[in-house]
């Protein structure tokens, strides 16, 4: 196994073009596990740790640009207000040591359905900045996952950054595991309210071959909130609406039985998380409305 160590982004792209099978490594929290257990033996490892720009982030007017190597700990410390759902997801990642090393770019590159960042990225609305010597393209996160541990990157492309829309409303993230830390998700769920567009987005993890959105559930809830005037009046969402939303979210799952949980349990748990996180986010939204009305 050869080790490639580019000193700049341009050198990294050239190395990837010359060796398309090279596996990028930055935090190494996924790649090294597979290598150590002999599940993977790539011909080349492409070390990106000397490419400093990958560890930088930029807060713009409407989006946050996260370098592919920005660690979860930095998201938790510096971007909690802009990316609350992703910050909550980052809290659930493994241990402090791994949160200091691992980043969203690696999570995306591995494309495991159990990756902790995926539900939050789907709910917030993210785009992946994929770059090669041929140029740059933006891939909507919805289209990024193409199969179990497969993504939409071309062989010569690297993830340079992830562009995530800044929160314009409450976001939540929930995860079920077999213990409280250092655990792969049995299932996970993310939700984001977008009051500016009067829409709700979701993300489901570890309950289908790829991370997915519950689009039918989103369409139902968007229609129910609009028809009931909930965005304007700030009333509590009726139990029947919350129950139907949870049922539709559970129906979007396509889980399997494995050592961490059964398919039936995963589907049930995702429905429970959907109902609870909807309640939490909506109560946050109602509280914000009351505060603004009081100030007026």
Protein backbone atom coordinates (compact mmCIF):
# COMPACT_ATOMS: atom_id res chain seq x y z
CA UNK A 1 0.00 0.00 0.00
CA UNK A 2 1.56 3.29 -1.13
CA UNK A 3 1.09 6.53 0.81
CA UNK A 4 0.59 9.77 -1.14
CA UNK A 5 1.11 13.05 0.78
CA UNK A 6 0.20 16.13 -1.28
CA UNK A 7 1.18 19.47 0.25
CA UNK A 8 -1.54 21.50 -1.50
CA UNK A 9 -5.02 21.14 -2.93
CA UNK A 10 -3.68 21.25 -6.47
CA UNK A 11 -1.24 18.44 -5.69
CA UNK A 12 -4.08 16.43 -4.14
CA UNK A 13 -6.20 16.76 -7.29
CA UNK A 14 -3.27 15.79 -9.48
CA UNK A 15 -2.57 12.74 -7.34
CA UNK A 16 -6.21 11.67 -7.47
CA UNK A 17 -6.26 12.10 -11.25
CA UNK A 18 -3.11 9.99 -11.58
CA UNK A 19 -4.38 7.35 -9.11
CA UNK A 20 -8.21 7.26 -9.29
CA UNK A 21 -8.38 4.27 -6.93
CA UNK A 22 -6.51 6.15 -4.18
CA UNK A 23 -8.56 6.33 -0.99
CA UNK A 24 -8.56 9.78 0.65
CA UNK A 25 -7.75 9.87 4.35
CA UNK A 26 -7.97 12.86 6.69
CA UNK A 27 -9.42 11.98 10.10
CA UNK A 28 -9.16 8.29 9.25
CA UNK A 29 -11.92 7.36 11.68
CA UNK A 30 -13.67 5.16 9.11
CA UNK A 31 -10.86 4.20 6.72
CA UNK A 32 -8.43 2.98 9.38
CA UNK A 33 -11.05 0.77 10.99
CA UNK A 34 -11.65 -0.98 7.67
CA UNK A 35 -7.92 -1.36 7.04
CA UNK A 36 -7.17 -2.60 10.55
CA UNK A 37 -9.86 -5.28 10.25
CA UNK A 38 -8.61 -6.15 6.77
CA UNK A 39 -11.98 -5.26 5.23
CA UNK A 40 -10.19 -3.00 2.78
CA UNK A 41 -6.70 -2.95 1.32
CA UNK A 42 -6.39 -0.02 -1.12
CA UNK A 43 -3.40 0.25 -3.41
CA UNK A 44 -2.94 3.91 -2.49
CA UNK A 45 -3.87 6.08 0.50
CA UNK A 46 -4.16 9.79 -0.25
CA UNK A 47 -3.31 11.71 2.93
CA UNK A 48 -5.04 15.13 2.93
CA UNK A 49 -3.86 16.33 6.33
CA UNK A 50 -1.35 18.80 4.90
CA UNK A 51 -4.06 20.56 2.84
CA UNK A 52 -4.88 23.26 5.37
CA UNK A 53 -7.83 24.81 3.53
CA UNK A 54 -9.87 21.64 4.06
CA UNK A 55 -9.99 22.38 7.80
CA UNK A 56 -11.41 25.91 7.35
CA UNK A 57 -15.02 27.09 7.34
CA UNK A 58 -16.75 30.25 6.20
CA UNK A 59 -20.10 31.66 7.33
CA UNK A 60 -21.82 33.43 4.45
CA UNK A 61 -25.07 35.30 4.20
CA UNK A 62 -27.24 32.25 3.61
CA UNK A 63 -24.94 29.24 3.89
CA UNK A 64 -22.00 27.85 5.79
CA UNK A 65 -19.13 26.44 3.75
CA UNK A 66 -17.52 23.62 5.72
CA UNK A 67 -14.14 22.39 4.56
CA UNK A 68 -14.18 18.62 4.17
CA UNK A 69 -11.84 18.13 7.15
CA UNK A 70 -13.53 20.49 9.64
CA UNK A 71 -13.84 18.31 12.75
CA UNK A 72 -17.11 17.66 14.55
CA UNK A 73 -15.74 19.37 17.66
CA UNK A 74 -15.36 22.64 15.73
CA UNK A 75 -18.96 22.43 14.50
CA UNK A 76 -20.13 21.91 18.08
CA UNK A 77 -18.08 24.82 19.42
CA UNK A 78 -18.36 27.42 16.66
CA UNK A 79 -21.41 26.67 14.48
CA UNK A 80 -24.13 25.71 16.90
CA UNK A 81 -26.27 28.75 16.02
CA UNK A 82 -25.90 28.45 12.25
CA UNK A 83 -26.11 24.64 12.03
CA UNK A 84 -27.98 23.45 15.15
CA UNK A 85 -29.05 20.10 13.69
CA UNK A 86 -25.54 19.22 12.57
CA UNK A 87 -24.12 20.37 15.92
CA UNK A 88 -26.54 18.04 17.73
CA UNK A 89 -25.55 15.19 15.43
CA UNK A 90 -21.88 15.95 16.06
CA UNK A 91 -22.45 15.50 19.80
CA UNK A 92 -23.46 11.89 19.20
CA UNK A 93 -20.33 10.95 17.24
CA UNK A 94 -18.21 8.37 19.08
CA UNK A 95 -15.77 9.91 21.61
CA UNK A 96 -14.08 13.30 22.13
CA UNK A 97 -10.94 11.99 20.43
CA UNK A 98 -12.85 10.96 17.31
CA UNK A 99 -14.89 14.18 17.29
CA UNK A 100 -11.55 16.03 17.20
CA UNK A 101 -10.41 14.03 14.15
CA UNK A 102 -13.46 13.04 12.13
CA UNK A 103 -15.36 15.40 9.84
CA UNK A 104 -18.39 15.66 7.61
CA UNK A 105 -16.34 15.17 4.44
CA UNK A 106 -15.21 11.75 5.61
CA UNK A 107 -18.75 10.83 6.62
CA UNK A 108 -19.93 11.71 3.13
CA UNK A 109 -17.06 9.93 1.42
CA UNK A 110 -17.74 6.71 3.32
CA UNK A 111 -21.48 7.12 2.62
CA UNK A 112 -22.46 4.60 5.27
CA UNK A 113 -26.22 4.63 5.89
CA UNK A 114 -25.37 4.85 9.60
CA UNK A 115 -23.22 7.99 9.26
CA UNK A 116 -24.26 10.42 11.98
CA UNK A 117 -24.08 13.59 9.88
CA UNK A 118 -26.33 12.43 7.03
CA UNK A 119 -29.82 13.00 8.54
CA UNK A 120 -28.88 16.53 9.62
CA UNK A 121 -27.42 17.36 6.20
CA UNK A 122 -30.54 16.07 4.45
CA UNK A 123 -32.86 18.03 6.75
CA UNK A 124 -30.88 21.27 6.53
CA UNK A 125 -30.43 21.11 2.76
CA UNK A 126 -26.76 20.71 1.83
CA UNK A 127 -24.65 20.55 -1.30
CA UNK A 128 -21.36 18.71 -1.75
CA UNK A 129 -18.56 20.58 -3.53
CA UNK A 130 -16.85 17.91 -5.65
CA UNK A 131 -13.65 18.89 -7.44
CA UNK A 132 -11.28 17.26 -9.91
CA UNK A 133 -8.67 18.52 -12.35
CA UNK A 134 -11.59 18.80 -14.79
CA UNK A 135 -13.45 21.35 -12.67
CA UNK A 136 -15.96 21.79 -9.87
CA UNK A 137 -19.56 20.64 -9.52
CA UNK A 138 -22.14 20.98 -6.76
CA UNK A 139 -24.05 17.80 -5.87
CA UNK A 140 -27.29 18.16 -3.85
CA UNK A 141 -27.00 15.91 -0.80
CA UNK A 142 -30.25 14.17 -1.81
CA UNK A 143 -28.50 12.90 -4.94
CA UNK A 144 -25.16 12.14 -3.32
CA UNK A 145 -25.97 8.72 -1.85
CA UNK A 146 -26.22 6.13 -4.61
CA UNK A 147 -26.13 2.84 -2.68
CA UNK A 148 -24.78 1.13 0.42
CA UNK A 149 -21.46 2.91 1.05
CA UNK A 150 -21.53 4.33 -2.48
CA UNK A 151 -21.67 7.96 -3.52
CA UNK A 152 -21.94 10.12 -6.63
CA UNK A 153 -18.27 11.10 -6.79
CA UNK A 154 -16.38 10.33 -10.01
CA UNK A 155 -13.17 8.31 -9.55
CA UNK A 156 -10.98 11.41 -9.95
CA UNK A 157 -13.05 13.69 -7.67
CA UNK A 158 -12.43 14.77 -4.09
CA UNK A 159 -14.79 16.48 -1.65
CA UNK A 160 -13.51 19.99 -1.07
CA UNK A 161 -16.34 21.34 1.07
CA UNK A 162 -19.95 20.95 2.12
CA UNK A 163 -22.30 23.90 1.74
CA UNK A 164 -25.10 23.86 4.33
CA UNK A 165 -27.96 26.34 4.50
CA UNK A 166 -27.95 28.39 7.69
CA UNK A 167 -30.84 27.55 9.98
CA UNK A 168 -33.83 29.85 9.58
CA UNK A 169 -35.83 27.87 12.13
CA UNK A 170 -35.49 25.16 14.79
CA UNK A 171 -33.71 21.90 14.02
CA UNK A 172 -33.45 18.65 15.95
CA UNK A 173 -31.59 15.37 15.75
CA UNK A 174 -32.24 12.08 17.52
CA UNK A 175 -30.32 8.82 17.53
CA UNK A 176 -30.94 5.35 18.93
CA UNK A 177 -27.93 3.27 19.93
CA UNK A 178 -27.20 0.23 22.02
CA UNK A 179 -25.39 2.46 24.54
CA UNK A 180 -24.86 6.18 25.18
CA UNK A 181 -21.45 6.68 23.53
CA UNK A 182 -19.01 5.09 21.07
CA UNK A 183 -21.88 3.48 19.21
CA UNK A 184 -23.04 3.07 15.62
CA UNK A 185 -26.62 4.25 15.17
CA UNK A 186 -29.35 1.64 15.24
CA UNK A 187 -31.35 4.39 13.56
CA UNK A 188 -31.34 8.19 13.51
CA UNK A 189 -33.63 11.04 12.50
CA UNK A 190 -33.16 14.72 11.72
CA UNK A 191 -35.76 17.42 11.17
CA UNK A 192 -35.51 21.10 10.23
CA UNK A 193 -38.26 23.72 10.12
CA UNK A 194 -37.81 26.32 7.40
CA UNK A 195 -40.24 29.16 8.24
CA UNK A 196 -38.94 31.35 5.40
CA UNK A 197 -40.28 28.87 2.85
CA UNK A 198 -42.91 27.35 5.16
CA UNK A 199 -41.51 23.89 4.66
CA UNK A 200 -40.20 21.03 6.76
CA UNK A 201 -37.33 18.74 5.74
CA UNK A 202 -36.31 15.42 7.24
CA UNK A 203 -33.45 12.94 7.18
CA UNK A 204 -33.38 9.27 8.16
CA UNK A 205 -30.22 7.32 8.95
CA UNK A 206 -29.47 3.63 9.39
CA UNK A 207 -32.96 2.56 8.37
CA UNK A 208 -32.56 2.12 4.60
CA UNK A 209 -29.75 1.20 2.19
CA UNK A 210 -28.86 4.90 2.01
CA UNK A 211 -29.68 7.96 4.11
CA UNK A 212 -33.08 9.18 2.88
CA UNK A 213 -35.65 11.90 3.31
CA UNK A 214 -39.24 11.07 4.20
CA UNK A 215 -40.65 13.08 1.30
CA UNK A 216 -44.26 11.88 1.56
CA UNK A 217 -44.25 12.80 5.25
CA UNK A 218 -42.80 16.21 4.43
CA UNK A 219 -45.47 16.85 1.79
CA UNK A 220 -48.23 15.83 4.19
CA UNK A 221 -46.94 18.03 7.00
CA UNK A 222 -46.27 21.00 4.74
CA UNK A 223 -49.86 20.82 3.47
CA UNK A 224 -51.32 20.37 6.97
CA UNK A 225 -49.38 23.32 8.40
CA UNK A 226 -50.37 25.54 5.48
CA UNK A 227 -54.05 24.57 5.45
CA UNK A 228 -54.36 24.99 9.21
CA UNK A 229 -52.58 28.34 9.22
CA UNK A 230 -50.13 26.99 11.79
CA UNK A 231 -47.19 29.07 10.60
CA UNK A 232 -49.19 32.27 11.26
CA UNK A 233 -51.16 31.36 14.36
CA UNK A 234 -48.46 29.29 16.09
CA UNK A 235 -51.00 26.83 17.47
CA UNK A 236 -49.94 23.44 18.83
CA UNK A 237 -49.87 20.82 16.09
CA UNK A 238 -52.84 18.50 16.55
CA UNK A 239 -52.11 14.93 17.72
CA UNK A 240 -53.70 13.49 14.58
CA UNK A 241 -51.31 15.45 12.34
CA UNK A 242 -48.28 14.47 14.43
CA UNK A 243 -49.35 10.82 14.43
CA UNK A 244 -49.84 10.71 10.67
CA UNK A 245 -46.51 12.44 10.11
CA UNK A 246 -44.78 9.82 12.26
CA UNK A 247 -46.51 7.00 10.38
CA UNK A 248 -45.39 8.37 7.03
CA UNK A 249 -41.81 8.83 8.25
CA UNK A 250 -41.76 5.22 9.45
CA UNK A 251 -43.14 4.18 6.08
CA UNK A 252 -40.20 5.83 4.32
CA UNK A 253 -37.81 3.39 6.00
CA UNK A 254 -36.51 0.26 4.31
CA UNK A 255 -34.48 -1.30 7.13
CA UNK A 256 -32.81 -4.65 7.67
CA UNK A 257 -32.35 -7.03 10.58
CA UNK A 258 -28.77 -7.07 11.90
CA UNK A 259 -26.86 -7.44 15.14
CA UNK A 260 -27.79 -3.92 16.25
CA UNK A 261 -31.56 -4.18 15.78
CA UNK A 262 -34.43 -5.64 13.84
CA UNK A 263 -36.11 -4.00 10.89
CA UNK A 264 -39.38 -3.76 12.83
CA UNK A 265 -37.67 -2.04 15.75
CA UNK A 266 -35.90 0.44 13.48
CA UNK A 267 -39.13 1.38 11.70
CA UNK A 268 -40.95 1.79 15.02
CA UNK A 269 -38.14 3.83 16.59
CA UNK A 270 -37.87 6.19 13.61
CA UNK A 271 -41.60 6.91 13.88
CA UNK A 272 -41.25 7.70 17.58
CA UNK A 273 -38.28 9.98 16.94
CA UNK A 274 -40.18 11.76 14.17
CA UNK A 275 -43.14 12.50 16.42
CA UNK A 276 -40.97 13.66 19.31
CA UNK A 277 -38.60 15.85 17.31
CA UNK A 278 -41.54 17.44 15.50
CA UNK A 279 -42.97 18.35 18.90
CA UNK A 280 -39.67 19.76 20.11
CA UNK A 281 -39.00 21.86 17.02
CA UNK A 282 -42.54 23.17 16.83
CA UNK A 283 -42.48 24.19 20.49
CA UNK A 284 -39.23 26.06 19.79
CA UNK A 285 -40.90 27.79 16.84
CA UNK A 286 -43.90 28.76 18.96
CA UNK A 287 -41.57 30.13 21.66
CA UNK A 288 -39.72 32.24 19.11
CA UNK A 289 -43.03 33.63 17.80
CA UNK A 290 -44.17 34.55 21.31
CA UNK A 291 -40.87 36.31 21.96
CA UNK A 292 -41.10 38.32 18.73
CA UNK A 293 -44.75 39.21 19.37
CA UNK A 294 -43.88 40.33 22.91
CA UNK A 295 -41.06 42.51 21.64
CA UNK A 296 -43.40 44.12 19.10
